[in-house]
Amino acid sequence: MFATYRKLKVNPGSAAEVAALIQAEYMPLLDDVPGFVSYTLVDLGDDEITSIGVFQSAESAAEANARAKSWVGERLSPFVATPLDAREGAVLVNYLDTP
């Protein structure tokens, strides 16, 4: 398994609007990446958001980050205060607490 990590500083007060755009527009693009497993977006406060995506292969993770960089540049530029920090790597520990 492989994961993507993305961090973005958004303009003050725009995290919720950015999250709505991600849900409506980026998630369908991500869902089409072969090997996509899961995606979580977190509001870190101070107008910072981060996401973790999980994929079955390194190629899938790299493709997802390429799509993210392109999409952020096209759709989120009015909301972005800093460039997107996007990385991917091998998952070393994966734990799911299931009932």
C-alpha atoms as a PDB file:
ATOM      1  CA  MET A   1       0.000   0.000   0.000  1.00  0.00           C
ATOM      2  CA  PHE A   2       1.019   3.586  -0.660  1.00  0.00           C
ATOM      3  CA  ALA A   3      -0.238   6.894   0.650  1.00  0.00           C
ATOM      4  CA  THR A   4      -0.359  10.496  -0.439  1.00  0.00           C
ATOM      5  CA  TYR A   5       0.115  13.402   1.932  1.00  0.00           C
ATOM      6  CA  ARG A   6      -0.992  16.869   0.947  1.00  0.00           C
ATOM      7  CA  LYS A   7      -0.884  20.089   2.948  1.00  0.00           C
ATOM      8  CA  LEU A   8      -2.285  23.442   1.920  1.00  0.00           C
ATOM      9  CA  LYS A   9      -2.584  26.831   3.569  1.00  0.00           C
ATOM     10  CA  VAL A  10      -5.789  28.508   2.419  1.00  0.00           C
ATOM     11  CA  ASN A  11      -6.953  32.091   2.647  1.00  0.00           C
ATOM     12  CA  PRO A  12      -8.452  33.024   6.031  1.00  0.00           C
ATOM     13  CA  GLY A  13     -11.890  31.514   6.583  1.00  0.00           C
ATOM     14  CA  SER A  14     -12.016  29.515   3.340  1.00  0.00           C
ATOM     15  CA  ALA A  15     -11.292  25.964   4.592  1.00  0.00           C
ATOM     16  CA  ALA A  16     -14.969  24.922   4.537  1.00  0.00           C
ATOM     17  CA  GLU A  17     -15.461  26.253   1.011  1.00  0.00           C
ATOM     18  CA  VAL A  18     -12.305  24.489  -0.176  1.00  0.00           C
ATOM     19  CA  ALA A  19     -13.511  21.246   1.440  1.00  0.00           C
ATOM     20  CA  ALA A  20     -16.840  21.542  -0.388  1.00  0.00           C
ATOM     21  CA  LEU A  21     -15.025  22.001  -3.714  1.00  0.00           C
ATOM     22  CA  ILE A  22     -12.808  19.010  -2.991  1.00  0.00           C
ATOM     23  CA  GLN A  23     -15.865  16.888  -2.194  1.00  0.00           C
ATOM     24  CA  ALA A  24     -17.808  17.978  -5.272  1.00  0.00           C
ATOM     25  CA  GLU A  25     -15.071  18.233  -7.899  1.00  0.00           C
ATOM     26  CA  TYR A  26     -11.836  16.542  -6.872  1.00  0.00           C
ATOM     27  CA  MET A  27     -13.258  13.366  -5.346  1.00  0.00           C
ATOM     28  CA  PRO A  28     -14.729  12.188  -8.688  1.00  0.00           C
ATOM     29  CA  LEU A  29     -11.266  12.671 -10.276  1.00  0.00           C
ATOM     30  CA  LEU A  30      -9.635  10.733  -7.462  1.00  0.00           C
ATOM     31  CA  ASP A  31     -12.242   7.980  -7.570  1.00  0.00           C
ATOM     32  CA  ASP A  32     -11.196   7.283 -11.180  1.00  0.00           C
ATOM     33  CA  VAL A  33      -7.565   6.564 -10.214  1.00  0.00           C
ATOM     34  CA  PRO A  34      -6.985   2.788 -10.453  1.00  0.00           C
ATOM     35  CA  GLY A  35      -6.020   1.413  -7.040  1.00  0.00           C
ATOM     36  CA  PHE A  36      -7.690   4.196  -5.036  1.00  0.00           C
ATOM     37  CA  VAL A  37      -8.606   2.953  -1.525  1.00  0.00           C
ATOM     38  CA  SER A  38      -9.490   5.925   0.705  1.00  0.00           C
ATOM     39  CA  TYR A  39      -9.199   9.674   1.246  1.00  0.00           C
ATOM     40  CA  THR A  40      -9.390  11.778   4.412  1.00  0.00           C
ATOM     41  CA  LEU A  41      -9.312  15.578   4.607  1.00  0.00           C
ATOM     42  CA  VAL A  42      -8.457  17.225   7.940  1.00  0.00           C
ATOM     43  CA  ASP A  43      -8.840  20.843   9.060  1.00  0.00           C
ATOM     44  CA  LEU A  44      -5.697  21.566  11.095  1.00  0.00           C
ATOM     45  CA  GLY A  45      -6.879  25.016  12.150  1.00  0.00           C
ATOM     46  CA  ASP A  46      -5.094  28.270  11.336  1.00  0.00           C
ATOM     47  CA  ASP A  47      -6.411  27.969   7.755  1.00  0.00           C
ATOM     48  CA  GLU A  48      -4.395  24.807   7.093  1.00  0.00           C
ATOM     49  CA  ILE A  49      -5.831  21.616   5.641  1.00  0.00           C
ATOM     50  CA  THR A  50      -4.170  18.289   5.027  1.00  0.00           C
ATOM     51  CA  SER A  51      -5.216  15.059   3.368  1.00  0.00           C
ATOM     52  CA  ILE A  52      -4.143  11.449   3.379  1.00  0.00           C
ATOM     53  CA  GLY A  53      -5.023   9.195   0.467  1.00  0.00           C
ATOM     54  CA  VAL A  54      -4.396   5.464   0.376  1.00  0.00           C
ATOM     55  CA  PHE A  55      -3.671   3.542  -2.816  1.00  0.00           C
ATOM     56  CA  GLN A  56      -2.728   0.030  -3.859  1.00  0.00           C
ATOM     57  CA  SER A  57       0.407   1.025  -5.785  1.00  0.00           C
ATOM     58  CA  ALA A  58       3.095   3.673  -6.000  1.00  0.00           C
ATOM     59  CA  GLU A  59       1.906   4.505  -9.505  1.00  0.00           C
ATOM     60  CA  SER A  60      -1.636   5.139  -8.253  1.00  0.00           C
ATOM     61  CA  ALA A  61      -0.376   7.439  -5.502  1.00  0.00           C
ATOM     62  CA  ALA A  62       1.813   9.365  -7.951  1.00  0.00           C
ATOM     63  CA  GLU A  63      -1.092   9.703 -10.392  1.00  0.00           C
ATOM     64  CA  ALA A  64      -3.347  11.025  -7.620  1.00  0.00           C
ATOM     65  CA  ASN A  65      -0.777  13.663  -6.643  1.00  0.00           C
ATOM     66  CA  ALA A  66      -0.349  14.702 -10.268  1.00  0.00           C
ATOM     67  CA  ARG A  67      -4.105  15.128 -10.581  1.00  0.00           C
ATOM     68  CA  ALA A  68      -4.228  17.033  -7.289  1.00  0.00           C
ATOM     69  CA  LYS A  69      -1.499  19.475  -8.347  1.00  0.00           C
ATOM     70  CA  SER A  70      -3.246  20.168 -11.633  1.00  0.00           C
ATOM     71  CA  TRP A  71      -6.699  20.515 -10.060  1.00  0.00           C
ATOM     72  CA  VAL A  72      -5.491  22.774  -7.238  1.00  0.00           C
ATOM     73  CA  GLY A  73      -3.829  25.046  -9.787  1.00  0.00           C
ATOM     74  CA  GLU A  74      -6.965  25.218 -11.918  1.00  0.00           C
ATOM     75  CA  ARG A  75      -9.702  25.402  -9.273  1.00  0.00           C
ATOM     76  CA  LEU A  76      -8.278  26.477  -5.929  1.00  0.00           C
ATOM     77  CA  SER A  77      -5.949  29.316  -6.876  1.00  0.00           C
ATOM     78  CA  PRO A  78      -8.411  31.963  -5.555  1.00  0.00           C
ATOM     79  CA  PHE A  79      -8.406  30.213  -2.152  1.00  0.00           C
ATOM     80  CA  VAL A  80      -4.743  29.256  -1.761  1.00  0.00           C
ATOM     81  CA  ALA A  81      -2.226  31.152   0.384  1.00  0.00           C
ATOM     82  CA  THR A  82       0.757  28.817  -0.202  1.00  0.00           C
ATOM     83  CA  PRO A  83       1.731  26.231  -2.832  1.00  0.00           C
ATOM     84  CA  LEU A  84       0.431  22.692  -2.416  1.00  0.00           C
ATOM     85  CA  ASP A  85       2.832  20.376  -0.577  1.00  0.00           C
ATOM     86  CA  ALA A  86       2.134  16.959  -2.149  1.00  0.00           C
ATOM     87  CA  ARG A  87       4.120  13.802  -1.408  1.00  0.00           C
ATOM     88  CA  GLU A  88       3.673  10.052  -1.612  1.00  0.00           C
ATOM     89  CA  GLY A  89       5.312   7.053  -0.004  1.00  0.00           C
ATOM     90  CA  ALA A  90       4.999   3.468   1.158  1.00  0.00           C
ATOM     91  CA  VAL A  91       2.633   2.739   4.034  1.00  0.00           C
ATOM     92  CA  LEU A  92       4.596   1.280   6.944  1.00  0.00           C
ATOM     93  CA  VAL A  93       1.726   0.732   9.404  1.00  0.00           C
ATOM     94  CA  ASN A  94      -1.984   0.504   8.628  1.00  0.00           C
ATOM     95  CA  TYR A  95      -4.399  -0.111  11.482  1.00  0.00           C
ATOM     96  CA  LEU A  96      -8.184  -0.105  11.224  1.00  0.00           C
ATOM     97  CA  ASP A  97     -10.274  -0.499  14.356  1.00  0.00           C
ATOM     98  CA  THR A  98     -13.335  -2.311  13.094  1.00  0.00           C
ATOM     99  CA  PRO A  99     -16.144  -3.663  15.241  1.00  0.00           C
END
